Amino acid sequence: MMGDSTSARFAALGGAAAIIPNALFALRLALHRAKDPGSYPVVFFLGEMVKIALTIGLLALIVRLSGEVRWLAMLIGLIVVLKAPLAMMFIGARGTAVESVAVPIRATGATGATEPTELSQAMEPTGATGPAKAEGPTGPTSPTRPGETG
């Protein structure tokens, strides 16, 4: 039976067997960001191996400590948690992710303050006097309107 509290508990335990190692792996990578970037691949692959071993170890611990295991519920909980980032990628692509493209890009300086980049300056609105004058081959020029000569 899949609808009882025992199945729900095994689904939660299966999910936890994936969430805990993934959270520790992400924490380890975040702590390593300030260190030498050349060692990042080694840290990543060793961390990935430890994450897989810890996931298998937690699943084995669940099986050993539980009398009767609800395998289907536990594996469904594990798979749902492991595939959640993939689902969020598709859900996020249809909504707020597209709207965030119009936000000006700013770079963080050495002081931590944001400084506008060339792209964000180009995206900022011009003053109330109209568009800025463009540099032409012979110097500053004004934009022309249809029917006017430049």
Protein backbone atom coordinates (compact mmCIF):
# COMPACT_ATOMS: atom_id res chain seq x y z
CA MET A 1 0.00 0.00 0.00
CA MET A 2 1.33 3.47 -0.89
CA GLY A 3 -1.08 5.76 0.94
CA ASP A 4 -0.24 5.19 4.60
CA SER A 5 2.05 7.05 6.99
CA THR A 6 4.76 4.39 6.81
CA SER A 7 5.12 4.95 3.08
CA ALA A 8 5.23 8.70 3.63
CA ARG A 9 7.98 8.23 6.21
CA PHE A 10 10.04 6.12 3.80
CA ALA A 11 9.52 8.66 1.02
CA ALA A 12 10.78 11.39 3.35
CA LEU A 13 13.75 9.25 4.41
CA GLY A 14 14.61 8.54 0.77
CA GLY A 15 14.47 12.26 0.02
CA ALA A 16 16.60 13.06 3.06
CA ALA A 17 19.19 10.50 1.88
CA ALA A 18 19.65 12.73 -1.19
CA ILE A 19 19.18 16.20 0.35
CA ILE A 20 21.74 15.84 3.15
CA PRO A 21 24.72 14.82 0.94
CA ASN A 22 23.78 17.42 -1.69
CA ALA A 23 23.61 20.18 0.92
CA LEU A 24 27.00 19.20 2.34
CA PHE A 25 28.47 19.09 -1.17
CA ALA A 26 27.12 22.57 -1.98
CA LEU A 27 28.46 23.91 1.33
CA ARG A 28 31.90 22.45 0.59
CA LEU A 29 31.96 24.07 -2.87
CA ALA A 30 30.83 27.41 -1.43
CA LEU A 31 33.59 27.32 1.18
CA HIS A 32 36.18 26.56 -1.51
CA ARG A 33 35.32 29.61 -3.66
CA ALA A 34 37.84 31.86 -1.90
CA LYS A 35 40.71 29.42 -2.48
CA ASP A 36 42.91 28.65 -5.47
CA PRO A 37 40.70 28.11 -8.56
CA GLY A 38 43.15 25.56 -9.94
CA SER A 39 42.21 23.08 -7.23
CA TYR A 40 38.47 23.43 -7.87
CA PRO A 41 38.14 20.41 -10.23
CA VAL A 42 39.81 18.15 -7.67
CA VAL A 43 37.56 19.42 -4.90
CA PHE A 44 34.51 19.04 -7.14
CA PHE A 45 35.18 15.45 -8.17
CA LEU A 46 36.26 14.31 -4.71
CA GLY A 47 33.18 15.99 -3.27
CA GLU A 48 30.99 14.27 -5.84
CA MET A 49 32.44 10.87 -4.90
CA VAL A 50 31.91 11.57 -1.20
CA LYS A 51 28.34 12.71 -1.95
CA ILE A 52 27.54 9.47 -3.78
CA ALA A 53 29.14 7.36 -1.04
CA LEU A 54 27.23 9.26 1.65
CA THR A 55 23.94 8.80 -0.22
CA ILE A 56 24.53 5.05 -0.51
CA GLY A 57 25.58 4.92 3.14
CA LEU A 58 22.44 6.74 4.29
CA LEU A 59 20.24 4.43 2.23
CA ALA A 60 22.01 1.42 3.73
CA LEU A 61 21.54 2.86 7.22
CA ILE A 62 17.82 3.35 6.57
CA VAL A 63 17.52 -0.27 5.40
CA ARG A 64 19.48 -1.60 8.36
CA LEU A 65 17.61 0.36 11.04
CA SER A 66 14.15 -0.26 9.60
CA GLY A 67 12.47 -3.59 10.02
CA GLU A 68 10.37 -3.60 6.88
CA VAL A 69 11.42 -1.25 4.10
CA ARG A 70 8.93 0.25 1.67
CA TRP A 71 11.29 0.24 -1.30
CA LEU A 72 8.95 1.85 -3.78
CA ALA A 73 8.16 4.80 -1.49
CA MET A 74 11.81 5.29 -0.54
CA LEU A 75 13.00 5.21 -4.15
CA ILE A 76 10.23 7.58 -5.26
CA GLY A 77 11.28 10.04 -2.54
CA LEU A 78 14.92 9.71 -3.60
CA ILE A 79 14.19 10.18 -7.31
CA VAL A 80 11.86 13.15 -6.76
CA VAL A 81 14.53 14.98 -4.77
CA LEU A 82 17.28 14.16 -7.27
CA LYS A 83 15.18 15.35 -10.23
CA ALA A 84 13.77 18.49 -8.57
CA PRO A 85 16.52 20.81 -9.95
CA LEU A 86 15.76 19.60 -13.47
CA ALA A 87 12.05 20.30 -12.99
CA MET A 88 12.79 23.76 -11.58
CA MET A 89 14.92 24.57 -14.60
CA PHE A 90 11.93 23.98 -16.88
CA ILE A 91 9.45 25.72 -14.59
CA GLY A 92 11.76 28.73 -14.12
CA ALA A 93 12.28 29.08 -17.86
CA ARG A 94 8.63 29.98 -18.31
CA GLY A 95 8.10 32.90 -15.97
CA THR A 96 10.26 35.14 -13.94
CA ALA A 97 13.48 34.04 -15.63
CA VAL A 98 12.49 35.77 -18.87
CA GLU A 99 11.45 38.97 -17.07
CA SER A 100 14.82 39.31 -15.34
CA VAL A 101 16.63 39.87 -18.65
CA ALA A 102 15.68 43.56 -18.70
CA VAL A 103 17.42 44.32 -15.39
CA PRO A 104 20.58 46.42 -15.88
CA ILE A 105 23.78 44.56 -15.19
CA ARG A 106 26.07 46.01 -12.53
CA ALA A 107 29.54 44.88 -11.57
CA THR A 108 30.73 44.72 -8.00
CA GLY A 109 33.86 46.73 -7.36
CA ALA A 110 36.62 46.07 -4.85
CA THR A 111 34.73 48.02 -2.18
CA GLY A 112 31.61 45.91 -2.63
CA ALA A 113 29.66 48.80 -4.14
CA THR A 114 28.05 48.27 -7.49
CA GLU A 115 29.43 50.13 -10.45
CA PRO A 116 27.60 50.36 -13.77
CA THR A 117 29.07 48.40 -16.64
CA GLU A 118 29.06 49.46 -20.28
CA LEU A 119 25.97 47.35 -20.93
CA SER A 120 24.01 48.83 -18.02
CA GLN A 121 25.02 52.37 -19.04
CA ALA A 122 23.82 51.70 -22.57
CA MET A 123 20.50 50.42 -21.22
CA GLU A 124 19.86 53.42 -18.93
CA PRO A 125 17.41 55.99 -20.25
CA THR A 126 18.74 59.19 -21.74
CA GLY A 127 18.02 62.62 -20.30
CA ALA A 128 14.87 64.68 -20.87
CA THR A 129 16.49 66.53 -23.77
CA GLY A 130 16.30 63.54 -26.05
CA PRO A 131 18.79 61.00 -27.29
CA ALA A 132 22.46 61.60 -26.73
CA LYS A 133 24.56 62.83 -29.62
CA ALA A 134 26.42 60.12 -31.45
CA GLU A 135 30.04 60.29 -32.59
CA GLY A 136 30.18 60.32 -36.35
CA PRO A 137 33.22 60.00 -38.61
CA THR A 138 33.74 63.79 -38.57
CA GLY A 139 32.74 64.50 -34.97
CA PRO A 140 29.56 64.83 -32.91
CA THR A 141 26.33 64.60 -34.87
CA SER A 142 22.66 64.85 -33.96
CA PRO A 143 20.25 62.14 -34.89
CA THR A 144 18.24 63.03 -37.97
CA ARG A 145 14.54 62.67 -38.47
CA PRO A 146 12.94 61.47 -41.66
CA GLY A 147 12.92 64.37 -44.16
CA GLU A 148 15.81 66.24 -42.46
CA THR A 149 19.35 66.39 -43.64
CA GLY A 150 22.19 65.81 -41.25
